[in-house]
Amino acid sequence: MRQRIEPAEPIDKDLYELEPEEHADIEKLPASLDAALEALEADHDFLLEGDVFTDDLLSTWIDYKRINEIEPIRQRPHPHEFEMYFTL
């Protein structure tokens, strides 16, 4: 709001049927929690304004998410992997 950035125009097309060039022009959100945390680390100055959050709080929260959510998932097989290899 402060930067007066206008949202993109709505896309009135079937996103699954777009041409690759047209699909590449659409801005996308991070596809995973890890990518979202990387984006937050790269751009979080807006959260520091007004002394609502501190750098220490944000880095602690990001570390917590990585240690307690991302790493445990990486250390275990995905259900699809389990389905693929369990019967071998």
N, C-alpha and C. Protein backbone atom coordinates (compact mmCIF):
# COMPACT_ATOMS: atom_id res chain seq x y z
N MET A 1 0.83 -1.18 0.00
CA MET A 1 0.00 0.00 0.00
C MET A 1 0.87 1.24 0.00
N ARG A 2 1.94 1.19 0.78
CA ARG A 2 2.80 2.36 0.88
C ARG A 2 3.45 2.66 -0.47
N GLN A 3 3.81 1.61 -1.21
CA GLN A 3 4.47 1.81 -2.50
C GLN A 3 3.47 1.99 -3.63
N ARG A 4 2.20 1.88 -3.32
CA ARG A 4 1.14 2.07 -4.29
C ARG A 4 1.29 1.14 -5.50
N ILE A 5 1.64 -0.10 -5.21
CA ILE A 5 1.76 -1.10 -6.27
C ILE A 5 0.37 -1.65 -6.55
N GLU A 6 -0.01 -1.60 -7.80
CA GLU A 6 -1.31 -2.10 -8.20
C GLU A 6 -1.21 -3.60 -8.46
N PRO A 7 -2.23 -4.36 -8.08
CA PRO A 7 -2.19 -5.79 -8.39
C PRO A 7 -2.26 -6.01 -9.90
N ALA A 8 -1.77 -7.15 -10.31
CA ALA A 8 -1.80 -7.49 -11.74
C ALA A 8 -3.24 -7.64 -12.20
N GLU A 9 -3.43 -7.47 -13.48
CA GLU A 9 -4.75 -7.67 -14.06
C GLU A 9 -5.15 -9.14 -13.91
N PRO A 10 -6.43 -9.41 -13.70
CA PRO A 10 -6.86 -10.81 -13.60
C PRO A 10 -6.63 -11.54 -14.93
N ILE A 11 -6.32 -12.81 -14.82
CA ILE A 11 -6.10 -13.63 -16.00
C ILE A 11 -7.40 -14.38 -16.28
N ASP A 12 -7.99 -14.08 -17.38
CA ASP A 12 -9.28 -14.65 -17.71
C ASP A 12 -9.12 -15.79 -18.72
N LYS A 13 -8.15 -16.69 -18.43
CA LYS A 13 -7.86 -17.82 -19.31
C LYS A 13 -7.64 -19.05 -18.45
N ASP A 14 -7.73 -20.20 -19.07
CA ASP A 14 -7.41 -21.44 -18.39
C ASP A 14 -5.90 -21.54 -18.24
N LEU A 15 -5.40 -21.46 -17.02
CA LEU A 15 -3.96 -21.44 -16.78
C LEU A 15 -3.28 -22.72 -17.24
N TYR A 16 -4.01 -23.82 -17.26
CA TYR A 16 -3.43 -25.10 -17.67
C TYR A 16 -3.27 -25.20 -19.19
N GLU A 17 -3.89 -24.30 -19.91
CA GLU A 17 -3.82 -24.36 -21.37
C GLU A 17 -3.03 -23.20 -21.96
N LEU A 18 -2.29 -22.47 -21.14
CA LEU A 18 -1.49 -21.35 -21.65
C LEU A 18 -0.27 -21.87 -22.40
N GLU A 19 0.16 -21.08 -23.37
CA GLU A 19 1.42 -21.37 -24.06
C GLU A 19 2.57 -21.16 -23.07
N PRO A 20 3.67 -21.89 -23.23
CA PRO A 20 4.79 -21.76 -22.28
C PRO A 20 5.30 -20.32 -22.13
N GLU A 21 5.34 -19.57 -23.22
CA GLU A 21 5.81 -18.18 -23.14
C GLU A 21 4.88 -17.33 -22.29
N GLU A 22 3.58 -17.56 -22.47
CA GLU A 22 2.58 -16.80 -21.73
C GLU A 22 2.59 -17.20 -20.25
N HIS A 23 2.79 -18.49 -20.01
CA HIS A 23 2.85 -18.99 -18.64
C HIS A 23 4.07 -18.42 -17.90
N ALA A 24 5.17 -18.28 -18.61
CA ALA A 24 6.41 -17.76 -18.00
C ALA A 24 6.25 -16.31 -17.55
N ASP A 25 5.35 -15.57 -18.18
CA ASP A 25 5.15 -14.15 -17.83
C ASP A 25 4.34 -13.95 -16.56
N ILE A 26 3.71 -15.01 -16.06
CA ILE A 26 2.87 -14.89 -14.87
C ILE A 26 3.75 -15.02 -13.62
N GLU A 27 3.64 -14.03 -12.73
CA GLU A 27 4.41 -14.07 -11.49
C GLU A 27 3.85 -15.17 -10.59
N LYS A 28 4.76 -15.96 -10.03
CA LYS A 28 4.34 -17.11 -9.23
C LYS A 28 4.83 -16.99 -7.79
N LEU A 29 4.09 -17.63 -6.90
CA LEU A 29 4.49 -17.69 -5.50
C LEU A 29 5.50 -18.80 -5.30
N PRO A 30 6.25 -18.79 -4.20
CA PRO A 30 7.17 -19.89 -3.94
C PRO A 30 6.43 -21.22 -3.90
N ALA A 31 7.07 -22.26 -4.42
CA ALA A 31 6.42 -23.56 -4.56
C ALA A 31 6.59 -24.45 -3.33
N SER A 32 7.40 -24.04 -2.38
CA SER A 32 7.63 -24.87 -1.20
C SER A 32 7.86 -23.97 0.00
N LEU A 33 7.78 -24.58 1.18
CA LEU A 33 8.06 -23.82 2.40
C LEU A 33 9.50 -23.33 2.39
N ASP A 34 10.42 -24.17 1.92
CA ASP A 34 11.82 -23.78 1.87
C ASP A 34 12.02 -22.55 0.98
N ALA A 35 11.39 -22.55 -0.19
CA ALA A 35 11.49 -21.40 -1.09
C ALA A 35 10.84 -20.16 -0.48
N ALA A 36 9.74 -20.33 0.23
CA ALA A 36 9.08 -19.20 0.89
C ALA A 36 9.97 -18.61 1.98
N LEU A 37 10.66 -19.47 2.72
CA LEU A 37 11.56 -18.97 3.76
C LEU A 37 12.76 -18.25 3.15
N GLU A 38 13.25 -18.75 2.03
CA GLU A 38 14.35 -18.06 1.34
C GLU A 38 13.89 -16.68 0.87
N ALA A 39 12.68 -16.58 0.35
CA ALA A 39 12.15 -15.29 -0.09
C ALA A 39 11.97 -14.35 1.11
N LEU A 40 11.53 -14.89 2.23
CA LEU A 40 11.38 -14.08 3.44
C LEU A 40 12.73 -13.57 3.93
N GLU A 41 13.74 -14.43 3.90
CA GLU A 41 15.08 -13.98 4.30
C GLU A 41 15.59 -12.87 3.40
N ALA A 42 15.32 -12.97 2.12
CA ALA A 42 15.81 -11.99 1.15
C ALA A 42 15.06 -10.66 1.24
N ASP A 43 13.81 -10.69 1.67
CA ASP A 43 13.00 -9.47 1.67
C ASP A 43 12.05 -9.47 2.86
N HIS A 44 12.54 -8.93 3.98
CA HIS A 44 11.68 -8.85 5.16
C HIS A 44 11.73 -7.49 5.84
N ASP A 45 12.31 -6.51 5.16
CA ASP A 45 12.43 -5.17 5.77
C ASP A 45 11.07 -4.59 6.14
N PHE A 46 10.05 -4.90 5.36
CA PHE A 46 8.71 -4.36 5.64
C PHE A 46 8.18 -4.88 6.98
N LEU A 47 8.65 -6.04 7.42
CA LEU A 47 8.20 -6.57 8.71
C LEU A 47 8.91 -5.92 9.89
N LEU A 48 10.03 -5.28 9.63
CA LEU A 48 10.80 -4.63 10.70
C LEU A 48 10.29 -3.23 10.99
N GLU A 49 9.51 -2.67 10.09
CA GLU A 49 9.00 -1.30 10.28
C GLU A 49 8.02 -1.26 11.43
N GLY A 50 8.07 -0.20 12.20
CA GLY A 50 7.15 -0.01 13.31
C GLY A 50 7.50 -0.85 14.53
N ASP A 51 8.67 -1.48 14.51
CA ASP A 51 9.15 -2.29 15.64
C ASP A 51 8.16 -3.38 16.05
N VAL A 52 7.45 -3.93 15.09
CA VAL A 52 6.54 -5.03 15.39
C VAL A 52 7.33 -6.32 15.51
N PHE A 53 8.22 -6.57 14.54
CA PHE A 53 9.09 -7.74 14.56
C PHE A 53 10.53 -7.27 14.63
N THR A 54 11.41 -8.14 15.11
CA THR A 54 12.83 -7.85 15.13
C THR A 54 13.55 -8.84 14.22
N ASP A 55 14.77 -8.47 13.81
CA ASP A 55 15.59 -9.40 13.02
C ASP A 55 15.78 -10.72 13.75
N ASP A 56 16.01 -10.63 15.05
CA ASP A 56 16.23 -11.83 15.86
C ASP A 56 15.00 -12.73 15.86
N LEU A 57 13.83 -12.14 16.02
CA LEU A 57 12.60 -12.93 16.00
C LEU A 57 12.41 -13.62 14.66
N LEU A 58 12.61 -12.89 13.56
CA LEU A 58 12.43 -13.47 12.23
C LEU A 58 13.43 -14.58 11.96
N SER A 59 14.69 -14.37 12.31
CA SER A 59 15.69 -15.42 12.06
C SER A 59 15.43 -16.64 12.94
N THR A 60 14.97 -16.43 14.18
CA THR A 60 14.63 -17.55 15.06
C THR A 60 13.45 -18.32 14.49
N TRP A 61 12.44 -17.63 13.99
CA TRP A 61 11.26 -18.29 13.43
C TRP A 61 11.64 -19.08 12.18
N ILE A 62 12.48 -18.49 11.31
CA ILE A 62 12.91 -19.17 10.09
C ILE A 62 13.73 -20.42 10.44
N ASP A 63 14.64 -20.30 11.40
CA ASP A 63 15.43 -21.46 11.85
C ASP A 63 14.52 -22.54 12.42
N TYR A 64 13.54 -22.15 13.21
CA TYR A 64 12.60 -23.11 13.78
C TYR A 64 11.87 -23.88 12.68
N LYS A 65 11.36 -23.16 11.69
CA LYS A 65 10.63 -23.80 10.59
C LYS A 65 11.53 -24.78 9.84
N ARG A 66 12.78 -24.39 9.62
CA ARG A 66 13.70 -25.29 8.90
C ARG A 66 14.02 -26.54 9.72
N ILE A 67 14.30 -26.35 11.00
CA ILE A 67 14.69 -27.48 11.85
C ILE A 67 13.52 -28.40 12.14
N ASN A 68 12.35 -27.84 12.42
CA ASN A 68 11.22 -28.64 12.89
C ASN A 68 10.21 -29.04 11.82
N GLU A 69 10.29 -28.44 10.64
CA GLU A 69 9.33 -28.78 9.60
C GLU A 69 9.99 -29.26 8.32
N ILE A 70 11.00 -28.55 7.85
CA ILE A 70 11.61 -28.92 6.57
C ILE A 70 12.54 -30.13 6.73
N GLU A 71 13.44 -30.10 7.70
CA GLU A 71 14.39 -31.20 7.86
C GLU A 71 13.73 -32.54 8.17
N PRO A 72 12.75 -32.61 9.06
CA PRO A 72 12.10 -33.91 9.29
C PRO A 72 11.46 -34.50 8.03
N ILE A 73 10.92 -33.66 7.19
CA ILE A 73 10.33 -34.15 5.94
C ILE A 73 11.41 -34.65 4.99
N ARG A 74 12.53 -33.94 4.93
CA ARG A 74 13.64 -34.36 4.06
C ARG A 74 14.24 -35.69 4.51
N GLN A 75 14.16 -36.00 5.80
CA GLN A 75 14.78 -37.20 6.34
C GLN A 75 13.89 -38.44 6.19
N ARG A 76 12.69 -38.27 5.70
CA ARG A 76 11.77 -39.40 5.57
C ARG A 76 11.34 -39.55 4.12
N PRO A 77 11.00 -40.77 3.73
CA PRO A 77 10.54 -40.94 2.35
C PRO A 77 9.18 -40.28 2.14
N HIS A 78 9.02 -39.77 0.97
CA HIS A 78 7.73 -39.20 0.57
C HIS A 78 6.76 -40.37 0.39
N PRO A 79 5.48 -40.18 0.65
CA PRO A 79 4.51 -41.28 0.45
C PRO A 79 4.59 -41.89 -0.95
N HIS A 80 4.85 -41.08 -1.94
CA HIS A 80 4.96 -41.61 -3.30
C HIS A 80 6.20 -42.51 -3.42
N GLU A 81 7.31 -42.10 -2.83
CA GLU A 81 8.51 -42.95 -2.84
C GLU A 81 8.23 -44.27 -2.13
N PHE A 82 7.55 -44.19 -1.02
CA PHE A 82 7.22 -45.40 -0.27
C PHE A 82 6.37 -46.34 -1.13
N GLU A 83 5.40 -45.78 -1.81
CA GLU A 83 4.52 -46.58 -2.68
C GLU A 83 5.32 -47.20 -3.83
N MET A 84 6.26 -46.46 -4.38
CA MET A 84 7.03 -46.95 -5.52
C MET A 84 7.98 -48.10 -5.14
N TYR A 85 8.62 -48.01 -3.97
CA TYR A 85 9.70 -48.94 -3.65
C TYR A 85 9.38 -49.97 -2.59
N PHE A 86 8.31 -49.81 -1.86
CA PHE A 86 8.03 -50.72 -0.76
C PHE A 86 7.73 -52.14 -1.24
N THR A 87 7.14 -52.24 -2.40
CA THR A 87 6.76 -53.56 -2.91
C THR A 87 7.90 -54.28 -3.63
N LEU A 88 9.05 -53.66 -3.80
CA LEU A 88 10.17 -54.30 -4.50
C LEU A 88 10.76 -55.44 -3.71
